[in-house]
Amino acid sequence: MRRLALSIASFSLAAIAAAGEKPGDRPRPEPQTKGPVFPVDVEMVNLTLSVRDKAGRLVTDLGPDDFLVYEDGQPQTIGLFAPAVEPGHDDALALDLGMLFDTSESMLKELRFAQEAASRFLESIPRARDLLTVFFDQDIRVSRFDSEHQQGLLARIFEAKSVGNTALYDAITVYVSRVADSAGRKILVLFTDGEDTTSSVSLQDLLALVRSSRVTIYPIAFTGSFALGSNRALSSRAFLQHLAELSGGQVFAPRTSKDLPGIYENILDELKAQYVIGFVPLNAKRDGKYRKIRVDVKREGMKVRTRQGYTAPRD
């Protein structure tokens, strides 16, 4: 596949209508000569994270002195601390929610299940500051909803038909580019079988973009149409698992409708228990290099889930 620069400037996002698109208006990334670059705040790097104890229970009573943040192994000084359980951090904790819904032909057998899953998700989630939806097959259709009109999505979900190839990598890229500059938490729930057949963005460039972004991804995997243990099933699940790990999220694979309430309860509980931590990097170089992040908790037995790093800005 062609290698692409995934800078925000490489997208003709002005062509995307705020209320939706026609298939012919699909925002395809344009090929460039450099690798992907994802802009971050020059002054502060923000991390959205969750903490669980040895028993897997979410931990919500931690303070800033309980955390240790490292960039490329070097300790950093925490300059922002915002726990979701406490009010007063509106900008840091504001929730921008994304929902990507796969309507490609490979989802034909799973479409009804995916529609039910998506509708139940909309009924379960709290009202977000912003809800950006991307319906995709070989075309990409983007819509934005405010907190008062999110239920209008239900009819659109159940009207969806399974047709065409799958531009999964392109759809994720378009979503991440749209939310790159906004403050707050960015949560993406992805309803798909995890297979891509027609994207312009390569897998390598997509993973580089996700690795550097502030989006936390929760894939809901519908791989029931793949033969159990087949290469298609294994590779699709591995890809979705990798997305979740890179971004600090978690992948779920519902087998029946009975699994859905537990999945959404898990996601919602995590959103309510998240922390946002910010630090100004001691390494002030604007070299465009990727920097690894590690967050530890001083309490014994705590497990932190957050993104693995970010790409520094480049002059």
C-alpha atoms as a PDB file:
ATOM      1  CA  MET A   1       0.000   0.000   0.000  1.00  0.00           C
ATOM      2  CA  ARG A   2       1.016   3.597  -0.471  1.00  0.00           C
ATOM      3  CA  ARG A   3       2.756   5.260   2.460  1.00  0.00           C
ATOM      4  CA  LEU A   4       1.066   8.409   3.649  1.00  0.00           C
ATOM      5  CA  ALA A   5       1.694  11.420   5.785  1.00  0.00           C
ATOM      6  CA  LEU A   6      -1.119  11.526   8.275  1.00  0.00           C
ATOM      7  CA  SER A   7      -0.753  15.141   9.299  1.00  0.00           C
ATOM      8  CA  ILE A   8      -4.024  16.888   9.753  1.00  0.00           C
ATOM      9  CA  ALA A   9      -3.171  19.163   6.861  1.00  0.00           C
ATOM     10  CA  SER A  10      -3.213  16.219   4.482  1.00  0.00           C
ATOM     11  CA  PHE A  11      -6.953  15.829   4.795  1.00  0.00           C
ATOM     12  CA  SER A  12      -9.489  17.926   2.932  1.00  0.00           C
ATOM     13  CA  LEU A  13     -11.720  18.007   5.957  1.00  0.00           C
ATOM     14  CA  ALA A  14     -13.579  21.091   4.812  1.00  0.00           C
ATOM     15  CA  ALA A  15     -15.312  18.835   2.303  1.00  0.00           C
ATOM     16  CA  ILE A  16     -16.944  16.819   5.071  1.00  0.00           C
ATOM     17  CA  ALA A  17     -20.421  18.127   5.798  1.00  0.00           C
ATOM     18  CA  ALA A  18     -21.209  18.469   9.466  1.00  0.00           C
ATOM     19  CA  ALA A  19     -24.512  16.663   9.063  1.00  0.00           C
ATOM     20  CA  GLY A  20     -23.289  13.863   6.813  1.00  0.00           C
ATOM     21  CA  GLU A  21     -21.902  13.092   3.373  1.00  0.00           C
ATOM     22  CA  LYS A  22     -22.771  11.503   0.129  1.00  0.00           C
ATOM     23  CA  PRO A  23     -20.675   8.437  -0.761  1.00  0.00           C
ATOM     24  CA  GLY A  24     -18.985  10.346  -3.572  1.00  0.00           C
ATOM     25  CA  ASP A  25     -17.719  12.952  -1.086  1.00  0.00           C
ATOM     26  CA  ARG A  26     -15.560  10.491   0.756  1.00  0.00           C
ATOM     27  CA  PRO A  27     -12.519  12.187   2.384  1.00  0.00           C
ATOM     28  CA  ARG A  28      -9.629  10.095   1.115  1.00  0.00           C
ATOM     29  CA  PRO A  29      -6.195  10.890   2.591  1.00  0.00           C
ATOM     30  CA  GLU A  30      -3.795  12.209  -0.034  1.00  0.00           C
ATOM     31  CA  PRO A  31      -0.412  10.514  -0.575  1.00  0.00           C
ATOM     32  CA  GLN A  32       2.667  12.434   0.618  1.00  0.00           C
ATOM     33  CA  THR A  33       6.372  11.698   0.830  1.00  0.00           C
ATOM     34  CA  LYS A  34       6.923  11.867   4.593  1.00  0.00           C
ATOM     35  CA  GLY A  35       5.814   9.614   7.420  1.00  0.00           C
ATOM     36  CA  PRO A  36       2.867  10.286   9.722  1.00  0.00           C
ATOM     37  CA  VAL A  37       2.973  13.299  12.020  1.00  0.00           C
ATOM     38  CA  PHE A  38       0.409  13.821  14.761  1.00  0.00           C
ATOM     39  CA  PRO A  39       0.435  17.219  16.482  1.00  0.00           C
ATOM     40  CA  VAL A  40       0.355  17.397  20.278  1.00  0.00           C
ATOM     41  CA  ASP A  41       0.108  20.310  22.648  1.00  0.00           C
ATOM     42  CA  VAL A  42       3.536  21.938  22.829  1.00  0.00           C
ATOM     43  CA  GLU A  43       3.070  22.928  26.459  1.00  0.00           C
ATOM     44  CA  MET A  44       1.529  19.824  27.969  1.00  0.00           C
ATOM     45  CA  VAL A  45       0.987  16.157  27.136  1.00  0.00           C
ATOM     46  CA  ASN A  46      -2.307  14.808  28.503  1.00  0.00           C
ATOM     47  CA  LEU A  47      -2.909  11.144  29.302  1.00  0.00           C
ATOM     48  CA  THR A  48      -6.272   9.488  29.895  1.00  0.00           C
ATOM     49  CA  LEU A  49      -5.856   6.410  32.050  1.00  0.00           C
ATOM     50  CA  SER A  50      -7.618   3.902  34.250  1.00  0.00           C
ATOM     51  CA  VAL A  51      -6.256   1.927  37.202  1.00  0.00           C
ATOM     52  CA  ARG A  52      -7.280  -1.503  38.450  1.00  0.00           C
ATOM     53  CA  ASP A  53      -6.186  -3.486  41.500  1.00  0.00           C
ATOM     54  CA  LYS A  54      -5.099  -7.122  41.686  1.00  0.00           C
ATOM     55  CA  ALA A  55      -8.712  -8.268  41.629  1.00  0.00           C
ATOM     56  CA  GLY A  56      -9.463  -6.243  38.488  1.00  0.00           C
ATOM     57  CA  ARG A  57     -11.526  -3.620  40.307  1.00  0.00           C
ATOM     58  CA  LEU A  58     -11.338  -0.007  39.194  1.00  0.00           C
ATOM     59  CA  VAL A  59      -9.491   2.262  41.627  1.00  0.00           C
ATOM     60  CA  THR A  60     -10.938   5.770  42.012  1.00  0.00           C
ATOM     61  CA  ASP A  61      -9.330   7.173  45.181  1.00  0.00           C
ATOM     62  CA  LEU A  62      -5.847   7.997  43.879  1.00  0.00           C
ATOM     63  CA  GLY A  63      -4.269  11.434  44.040  1.00  0.00           C
ATOM     64  CA  PRO A  64      -1.490  13.076  42.009  1.00  0.00           C
ATOM     65  CA  ASP A  65       1.154  11.955  44.522  1.00  0.00           C
ATOM     66  CA  ASP A  66       0.235   8.312  43.856  1.00  0.00           C
ATOM     67  CA  PHE A  67       1.407   8.443  40.227  1.00  0.00           C
ATOM     68  CA  LEU A  68       4.837   8.334  38.609  1.00  0.00           C
ATOM     69  CA  VAL A  69       5.088   9.354  34.950  1.00  0.00           C
ATOM     70  CA  TYR A  70       8.079   8.528  32.745  1.00  0.00           C
ATOM     71  CA  GLU A  71       8.915   9.667  29.229  1.00  0.00           C
ATOM     72  CA  ASP A  72      11.579   7.513  27.577  1.00  0.00           C
ATOM     73  CA  GLY A  73      12.518   6.371  31.091  1.00  0.00           C
ATOM     74  CA  GLN A  74      12.954   9.910  32.460  1.00  0.00           C
ATOM     75  CA  PRO A  75      10.696  10.952  35.395  1.00  0.00           C
ATOM     76  CA  GLN A  76       8.302  13.806  34.620  1.00  0.00           C
ATOM     77  CA  THR A  77       6.541  16.344  36.837  1.00  0.00           C
ATOM     78  CA  ILE A  78       2.739  16.100  36.874  1.00  0.00           C
ATOM     79  CA  GLY A  79       1.211  19.491  36.097  1.00  0.00           C
ATOM     80  CA  LEU A  80      -2.431  18.462  35.648  1.00  0.00           C
ATOM     81  CA  PHE A  81      -4.474  15.958  37.605  1.00  0.00           C
ATOM     82  CA  ALA A  82      -8.197  15.493  36.975  1.00  0.00           C
ATOM     83  CA  PRO A  83     -10.095  12.480  38.382  1.00  0.00           C
ATOM     84  CA  ALA A  84     -13.464  11.746  36.798  1.00  0.00           C
ATOM     85  CA  VAL A  85     -15.003  11.123  40.219  1.00  0.00           C
ATOM     86  CA  GLU A  86     -14.502  14.778  41.187  1.00  0.00           C
ATOM     87  CA  PRO A  87     -16.152  17.810  39.532  1.00  0.00           C
ATOM     88  CA  GLY A  88     -14.312  20.956  38.571  1.00  0.00           C
ATOM     89  CA  HIS A  89     -12.198  19.753  35.633  1.00  0.00           C
ATOM     90  CA  ASP A  90     -14.637  20.366  32.790  1.00  0.00           C
ATOM     91  CA  ASP A  91     -12.076  20.971  30.042  1.00  0.00           C
ATOM     92  CA  ALA A  92      -9.829  18.029  30.903  1.00  0.00           C
ATOM     93  CA  LEU A  93     -12.667  15.550  31.480  1.00  0.00           C
ATOM     94  CA  ALA A  94     -15.116  16.659  28.773  1.00  0.00           C
ATOM     95  CA  LEU A  95     -16.117  13.601  26.781  1.00  0.00           C
ATOM     96  CA  ASP A  96     -15.808  13.547  22.991  1.00  0.00           C
ATOM     97  CA  LEU A  97     -17.291  10.282  21.794  1.00  0.00           C
ATOM     98  CA  GLY A  98     -16.774   8.608  18.439  1.00  0.00           C
ATOM     99  CA  MET A  99     -18.720   5.694  16.996  1.00  0.00           C
ATOM    100  CA  LEU A 100     -17.483   3.917  13.864  1.00  0.00           C
ATOM    101  CA  PHE A 101     -19.963   1.525  12.294  1.00  0.00           C
ATOM    102  CA  ASP A 102     -18.876  -0.991   9.660  1.00  0.00           C
ATOM    103  CA  THR A 103     -21.504  -1.435   6.914  1.00  0.00           C
ATOM    104  CA  SER A 104     -19.317  -3.361   4.445  1.00  0.00           C
ATOM    105  CA  GLU A 105     -20.329  -6.611   2.763  1.00  0.00           C
ATOM    106  CA  SER A 106     -18.179  -8.709   5.117  1.00  0.00           C
ATOM    107  CA  MET A 107     -20.539  -7.646   7.936  1.00  0.00           C
ATOM    108  CA  LEU A 108     -23.637  -8.997   6.154  1.00  0.00           C
ATOM    109  CA  LYS A 109     -24.209 -11.940   8.506  1.00  0.00           C
ATOM    110  CA  GLU A 110     -23.398  -9.883  11.597  1.00  0.00           C
ATOM    111  CA  LEU A 111     -25.128  -6.642  10.634  1.00  0.00           C
ATOM    112  CA  ARG A 112     -28.333  -7.166  12.600  1.00  0.00           C
ATOM    113  CA  PHE A 113     -26.335  -8.051  15.722  1.00  0.00           C
ATOM    114  CA  ALA A 114     -24.072  -5.017  15.224  1.00  0.00           C
ATOM    115  CA  GLN A 115     -27.123  -2.753  14.779  1.00  0.00           C
ATOM    116  CA  GLU A 116     -28.595  -4.015  18.018  1.00  0.00           C
ATOM    117  CA  ALA A 117     -25.253  -3.526  19.752  1.00  0.00           C
ATOM    118  CA  ALA A 118     -24.875   0.041  18.495  1.00  0.00           C
ATOM    119  CA  SER A 119     -28.425   1.012  19.453  1.00  0.00           C
ATOM    120  CA  ARG A 120     -28.015  -0.394  22.936  1.00  0.00           C
ATOM    121  CA  PHE A 121     -24.761   1.468  23.274  1.00  0.00           C
ATOM    122  CA  LEU A 122     -26.455   4.774  22.435  1.00  0.00           C
ATOM    123  CA  GLU A 123     -29.119   4.048  25.026  1.00  0.00           C
ATOM    124  CA  SER A 124     -26.489   3.281  27.673  1.00  0.00           C
ATOM    125  CA  ILE A 125     -23.931   6.035  27.283  1.00  0.00           C
ATOM    126  CA  PRO A 126     -24.120   9.379  29.075  1.00  0.00           C
ATOM    127  CA  ARG A 127     -24.649  12.425  26.912  1.00  0.00           C
ATOM    128  CA  ALA A 128     -21.284  13.414  25.454  1.00  0.00           C
ATOM    129  CA  ARG A 129     -20.180  16.966  24.670  1.00  0.00           C
ATOM    130  CA  ASP A 130     -19.702  15.824  21.099  1.00  0.00           C
ATOM    131  CA  LEU A 131     -20.645  12.648  19.236  1.00  0.00           C
ATOM    132  CA  LEU A 132     -18.962  12.031  15.891  1.00  0.00           C
ATOM    133  CA  THR A 133     -20.182   9.045  13.885  1.00  0.00           C
ATOM    134  CA  VAL A 134     -18.538   7.410  10.903  1.00  0.00           C
ATOM    135  CA  PHE A 135     -20.475   4.863   8.830  1.00  0.00           C
ATOM    136  CA  PHE A 136     -18.112   3.160   6.439  1.00  0.00           C
ATOM    137  CA  ASP A 137     -17.854   0.486   3.769  1.00  0.00           C
ATOM    138  CA  GLN A 138     -15.903   1.423   0.631  1.00  0.00           C
ATOM    139  CA  ASP A 139     -17.178   4.965   1.260  1.00  0.00           C
ATOM    140  CA  ILE A 140     -17.026   7.049   4.426  1.00  0.00           C
ATOM    141  CA  ARG A 141     -19.977   9.023   5.773  1.00  0.00           C
ATOM    142  CA  VAL A 142     -19.351  11.379   8.685  1.00  0.00           C
ATOM    143  CA  SER A 143     -21.964  12.997  10.945  1.00  0.00           C
ATOM    144  CA  ARG A 144     -21.705  15.099  14.082  1.00  0.00           C
ATOM    145  CA  PHE A 145     -24.350  15.216  16.824  1.00  0.00           C
ATOM    146  CA  ASP A 146     -24.637  17.409  19.887  1.00  0.00           C
ATOM    147  CA  SER A 147     -25.811  16.176  23.263  1.00  0.00           C
ATOM    148  CA  GLU A 148     -29.478  16.935  22.514  1.00  0.00           C
ATOM    149  CA  HIS A 149     -29.782  14.979  19.270  1.00  0.00           C
ATOM    150  CA  GLN A 150     -27.804  11.769  19.751  1.00  0.00           C
ATOM    151  CA  GLN A 151     -30.905   9.567  19.722  1.00  0.00           C
ATOM    152  CA  GLY A 152     -31.522  10.623  16.123  1.00  0.00           C
ATOM    153  CA  LEU A 153     -28.853   8.113  15.209  1.00  0.00           C
ATOM    154  CA  LEU A 154     -31.046   5.099  15.937  1.00  0.00           C
ATOM    155  CA  ALA A 155     -33.026   5.271  12.706  1.00  0.00           C
ATOM    156  CA  ARG A 156     -29.859   5.692  10.685  1.00  0.00           C
ATOM    157  CA  ILE A 157     -28.262   2.670  12.337  1.00  0.00           C
ATOM    158  CA  PHE A 158     -31.183   0.371  11.530  1.00  0.00           C
ATOM    159  CA  GLU A 159     -31.439   1.657   7.963  1.00  0.00           C
ATOM    160  CA  ALA A 160     -27.815   0.658   7.235  1.00  0.00           C
ATOM    161  CA  LYS A 161     -27.199  -2.010   4.579  1.00  0.00           C
ATOM    162  CA  SER A 162     -24.113  -4.186   4.106  1.00  0.00           C
ATOM    163  CA  VAL A 163     -22.513  -3.359   0.766  1.00  0.00           C
ATOM    164  CA  GLY A 164     -19.094  -2.939  -0.791  1.00  0.00           C
ATOM    165  CA  ASN A 165     -15.518  -3.298   0.390  1.00  0.00           C
ATOM    166  CA  THR A 166     -14.104  -2.183   3.739  1.00  0.00           C
ATOM    167  CA  ALA A 167     -12.109   1.032   4.249  1.00  0.00           C
ATOM    168  CA  LEU A 168     -11.563   0.474   7.962  1.00  0.00           C
ATOM    169  CA  TYR A 169      -8.096   2.067   8.155  1.00  0.00           C
ATOM    170  CA  ASP A 170      -9.274   5.158   6.282  1.00  0.00           C
ATOM    171  CA  ALA A 171     -12.323   5.506   8.546  1.00  0.00           C
ATOM    172  CA  ILE A 172     -10.247   5.406  11.726  1.00  0.00           C
ATOM    173  CA  THR A 173      -7.804   7.898  10.223  1.00  0.00           C
ATOM    174  CA  VAL A 174     -10.591  10.334   9.332  1.00  0.00           C
ATOM    175  CA  TYR A 175     -12.025  10.116  12.846  1.00  0.00           C
ATOM    176  CA  VAL A 176      -8.694  10.638  14.609  1.00  0.00           C
ATOM    177  CA  SER A 177      -7.883  13.619  12.390  1.00  0.00           C
ATOM    178  CA  ARG A 178     -11.228  15.244  13.193  1.00  0.00           C
ATOM    179  CA  VAL A 179     -10.725  15.194  16.976  1.00  0.00           C
ATOM    180  CA  ALA A 180      -6.988  15.875  17.096  1.00  0.00           C
ATOM    181  CA  ASP A 181      -7.135  19.465  18.299  1.00  0.00           C
ATOM    182  CA  SER A 182      -9.948  19.293  20.852  1.00  0.00           C
ATOM    183  CA  ALA A 183      -9.345  19.170  24.593  1.00  0.00           C
ATOM    184  CA  GLY A 184     -10.741  16.529  26.920  1.00  0.00           C
ATOM    185  CA  ARG A 185     -11.128  12.773  26.694  1.00  0.00           C
ATOM    186  CA  LYS A 186     -11.542  11.199  23.261  1.00  0.00           C
ATOM    187  CA  ILE A 187     -13.278   7.813  23.297  1.00  0.00           C
ATOM    188  CA  LEU A 188     -13.846   5.762  20.137  1.00  0.00           C
ATOM    189  CA  VAL A 189     -16.149   2.727  20.067  1.00  0.00           C
ATOM    190  CA  LEU A 190     -15.596   0.703  16.911  1.00  0.00           C
ATOM    191  CA  PHE A 191     -18.258  -1.747  15.633  1.00  0.00           C
ATOM    192  CA  THR A 192     -16.532  -3.933  13.022  1.00  0.00           C
ATOM    193  CA  ASP A 193     -15.215  -7.362  12.141  1.00  0.00           C
ATOM    194  CA  GLY A 194     -11.701  -5.876  11.979  1.00  0.00           C
ATOM    195  CA  GLU A 195     -11.019  -6.623   8.311  1.00  0.00           C
ATOM    196  CA  ASP A 196      -9.825  -4.003   5.804  1.00  0.00           C
ATOM    197  CA  THR A 197      -9.879  -4.529   2.038  1.00  0.00           C
ATOM    198  CA  THR A 198      -9.668  -1.171   0.268  1.00  0.00           C
ATOM    199  CA  SER A 199      -8.080   1.617   2.359  1.00  0.00           C
ATOM    200  CA  SER A 200      -5.588   4.115   1.006  1.00  0.00           C
ATOM    201  CA  VAL A 201      -3.901   4.339   4.405  1.00  0.00           C
ATOM    202  CA  SER A 202      -1.471   1.515   5.086  1.00  0.00           C
ATOM    203  CA  LEU A 203      -1.623  -0.563   8.264  1.00  0.00           C
ATOM    204  CA  GLN A 204       1.796   0.718   9.310  1.00  0.00           C
ATOM    205  CA  ASP A 205       0.785   4.358   8.973  1.00  0.00           C
ATOM    206  CA  LEU A 206      -2.523   3.803  10.732  1.00  0.00           C
ATOM    207  CA  LEU A 207      -0.831   2.175  13.735  1.00  0.00           C
ATOM    208  CA  ALA A 208       1.692   5.024  13.878  1.00  0.00           C
ATOM    209  CA  LEU A 209      -1.165   7.525  13.971  1.00  0.00           C
ATOM    210  CA  VAL A 210      -3.118   5.665  16.655  1.00  0.00           C
ATOM    211  CA  ARG A 211       0.018   5.181  18.725  1.00  0.00           C
ATOM    212  CA  SER A 212       0.612   8.938  18.727  1.00  0.00           C
ATOM    213  CA  SER A 213      -2.972  10.102  19.228  1.00  0.00           C
ATOM    214  CA  ARG A 214      -4.957  10.809  22.381  1.00  0.00           C
ATOM    215  CA  VAL A 215      -7.893   8.620  21.343  1.00  0.00           C
ATOM    216  CA  THR A 216      -8.812   5.632  23.505  1.00  0.00           C
ATOM    217  CA  ILE A 217     -10.281   2.859  21.330  1.00  0.00           C
ATOM    218  CA  TYR A 218     -12.788   0.218  22.429  1.00  0.00           C
ATOM    219  CA  PRO A 219     -13.331  -2.215  19.524  1.00  0.00           C
ATOM    220  CA  ILE A 220     -16.515  -4.313  19.588  1.00  0.00           C
ATOM    221  CA  ALA A 221     -15.503  -7.287  17.432  1.00  0.00           C
ATOM    222  CA  PHE A 222     -18.077  -9.077  15.246  1.00  0.00           C
ATOM    223  CA  THR A 223     -16.117 -11.958  13.736  1.00  0.00           C
ATOM    224  CA  GLY A 224     -18.890 -14.544  13.751  1.00  0.00           C
ATOM    225  CA  SER A 225     -18.916 -14.747   9.948  1.00  0.00           C
ATOM    226  CA  PHE A 226     -15.266 -15.894   9.887  1.00  0.00           C
ATOM    227  CA  ALA A 227     -14.439 -19.582  10.233  1.00  0.00           C
ATOM    228  CA  LEU A 228     -13.258 -20.295  13.768  1.00  0.00           C
ATOM    229  CA  GLY A 229      -9.465 -20.348  13.875  1.00  0.00           C
ATOM    230  CA  SER A 230      -9.114 -19.146  10.273  1.00  0.00           C
ATOM    231  CA  ASN A 231      -6.479 -16.644   9.203  1.00  0.00           C
ATOM    232  CA  ARG A 232      -9.197 -14.022   8.671  1.00  0.00           C
ATOM    233  CA  ALA A 233     -10.524 -14.485  12.190  1.00  0.00           C
ATOM    234  CA  LEU A 234      -7.095 -14.501  13.832  1.00  0.00           C
ATOM    235  CA  SER A 235      -5.653 -11.530  11.922  1.00  0.00           C
ATOM    236  CA  SER A 236      -8.774  -9.395  12.422  1.00  0.00           C
ATOM    237  CA  ARG A 237      -8.887 -10.083  16.143  1.00  0.00           C
ATOM    238  CA  ALA A 238      -5.130  -9.436  16.473  1.00  0.00           C
ATOM    239  CA  PHE A 239      -5.509  -6.094  14.711  1.00  0.00           C
ATOM    240  CA  LEU A 240      -8.338  -4.969  16.983  1.00  0.00           C
ATOM    241  CA  GLN A 241      -6.434  -6.118  20.049  1.00  0.00           C
ATOM    242  CA  HIS A 242      -3.414  -4.115  18.917  1.00  0.00           C
ATOM    243  CA  LEU A 243      -5.547  -0.992  18.438  1.00  0.00           C
ATOM    244  CA  ALA A 244      -6.894  -1.306  21.966  1.00  0.00           C
ATOM    245  CA  GLU A 245      -3.485  -1.843  23.537  1.00  0.00           C
ATOM    246  CA  LEU A 246      -1.847   1.048  21.676  1.00  0.00           C
ATOM    247  CA  SER A 247      -4.552   3.486  22.727  1.00  0.00           C
ATOM    248  CA  GLY A 248      -5.187   2.298  26.271  1.00  0.00           C
ATOM    249  CA  GLY A 249      -8.579   0.768  25.496  1.00  0.00           C
ATOM    250  CA  GLN A 250      -9.999  -2.748  25.502  1.00  0.00           C
ATOM    251  CA  VAL A 251     -11.445  -5.080  22.877  1.00  0.00           C
ATOM    252  CA  PHE A 252     -14.727  -6.949  23.385  1.00  0.00           C
ATOM    253  CA  ALA A 253     -16.210  -9.828  21.379  1.00  0.00           C
ATOM    254  CA  PRO A 254     -19.911 -10.357  22.150  1.00  0.00           C
ATOM    255  CA  ARG A 255     -21.307 -13.744  21.184  1.00  0.00           C
ATOM    256  CA  THR A 256     -24.966 -13.040  21.841  1.00  0.00           C
ATOM    257  CA  SER A 257     -27.157 -10.101  22.803  1.00  0.00           C
ATOM    258  CA  LYS A 258     -26.887 -11.183  26.421  1.00  0.00           C
ATOM    259  CA  ASP A 259     -23.228 -10.113  26.404  1.00  0.00           C
ATOM    260  CA  LEU A 260     -23.946  -6.500  25.448  1.00  0.00           C
ATOM    261  CA  PRO A 261     -25.139  -5.036  28.789  1.00  0.00           C
ATOM    262  CA  GLY A 262     -22.010  -6.310  30.554  1.00  0.00           C
ATOM    263  CA  ILE A 263     -19.749  -4.847  27.878  1.00  0.00           C
ATOM    264  CA  TYR A 264     -21.327  -1.414  28.045  1.00  0.00           C
ATOM    265  CA  GLU A 265     -21.362  -1.463  31.832  1.00  0.00           C
ATOM    266  CA  ASN A 266     -17.640  -2.217  31.713  1.00  0.00           C
ATOM    267  CA  ILE A 267     -16.964   0.720  29.374  1.00  0.00           C
ATOM    268  CA  LEU A 268     -19.170   3.131  31.315  1.00  0.00           C
ATOM    269  CA  ASP A 269     -17.657   2.155  34.651  1.00  0.00           C
ATOM    270  CA  GLU A 270     -14.214   2.806  33.209  1.00  0.00           C
ATOM    271  CA  LEU A 271     -15.220   6.223  31.875  1.00  0.00           C
ATOM    272  CA  LYS A 272     -16.491   7.167  35.329  1.00  0.00           C
ATOM    273  CA  ALA A 273     -13.233   6.030  36.947  1.00  0.00           C
ATOM    274  CA  GLN A 274     -10.701   7.574  34.555  1.00  0.00           C
ATOM    275  CA  TYR A 275      -7.981  10.050  35.411  1.00  0.00           C
ATOM    276  CA  VAL A 276      -6.464  12.707  33.175  1.00  0.00           C
ATOM    277  CA  ILE A 277      -2.813  13.450  33.923  1.00  0.00           C
ATOM    278  CA  GLY A 278      -0.806  16.134  32.172  1.00  0.00           C
ATOM    279  CA  PHE A 279       2.906  16.954  32.147  1.00  0.00           C
ATOM    280  CA  VAL A 280       5.217  19.371  30.361  1.00  0.00           C
ATOM    281  CA  PRO A 281       7.980  17.193  28.828  1.00  0.00           C
ATOM    282  CA  LEU A 282      11.459  17.819  30.206  1.00  0.00           C
ATOM    283  CA  ASN A 283      12.709  17.015  26.711  1.00  0.00           C
ATOM    284  CA  ALA A 284      11.858  20.270  24.940  1.00  0.00           C
ATOM    285  CA  LYS A 285      13.247  19.217  21.551  1.00  0.00           C
ATOM    286  CA  ARG A 286      10.812  19.687  18.673  1.00  0.00           C
ATOM    287  CA  ASP A 287      12.260  16.784  16.729  1.00  0.00           C
ATOM    288  CA  GLY A 288       9.119  14.923  15.650  1.00  0.00           C
ATOM    289  CA  LYS A 289      10.301  11.728  17.321  1.00  0.00           C
ATOM    290  CA  TYR A 290       8.142   9.162  19.042  1.00  0.00           C
ATOM    291  CA  ARG A 291       8.466   9.128  22.837  1.00  0.00           C
ATOM    292  CA  LYS A 292       7.450   6.211  25.023  1.00  0.00           C
ATOM    293  CA  ILE A 293       5.327   6.824  28.108  1.00  0.00           C
ATOM    294  CA  ARG A 294       5.036   4.718  31.252  1.00  0.00           C
ATOM    295  CA  VAL A 295       2.769   5.456  34.206  1.00  0.00           C
ATOM    296  CA  ASP A 296       3.263   3.661  37.527  1.00  0.00           C
ATOM    297  CA  VAL A 297       1.244   3.763  40.737  1.00  0.00           C
ATOM    298  CA  LYS A 298       3.041   3.752  44.080  1.00  0.00           C
ATOM    299  CA  ARG A 299       0.472   1.420  45.622  1.00  0.00           C
ATOM    300  CA  GLU A 300       1.373  -2.219  45.244  1.00  0.00           C
ATOM    301  CA  GLY A 301      -0.492  -4.374  42.752  1.00  0.00           C
ATOM    302  CA  MET A 302      -2.003  -1.549  40.692  1.00  0.00           C
ATOM    303  CA  LYS A 303      -2.276  -1.932  36.905  1.00  0.00           C
ATOM    304  CA  VAL A 304      -2.479   1.180  34.709  1.00  0.00           C
ATOM    305  CA  ARG A 305      -3.945   1.243  31.220  1.00  0.00           C
ATOM    306  CA  THR A 306      -3.142   4.245  29.027  1.00  0.00           C
ATOM    307  CA  ARG A 307      -1.617   5.048  25.646  1.00  0.00           C
ATOM    308  CA  GLN A 308       1.956   3.955  25.093  1.00  0.00           C
ATOM    309  CA  GLY A 309       3.458   7.211  23.838  1.00  0.00           C
ATOM    310  CA  TYR A 310       3.168  10.253  21.589  1.00  0.00           C
ATOM    311  CA  THR A 311       4.984  11.972  18.750  1.00  0.00           C
ATOM    312  CA  ALA A 312       6.715  15.225  19.645  1.00  0.00           C
ATOM    313  CA  PRO A 313       5.987  18.302  17.512  1.00  0.00           C
ATOM    314  CA  ARG A 314       8.428  19.226  14.781  1.00  0.00           C
ATOM    315  CA  ASP A 315       9.521  22.731  13.781  1.00  0.00           C
END
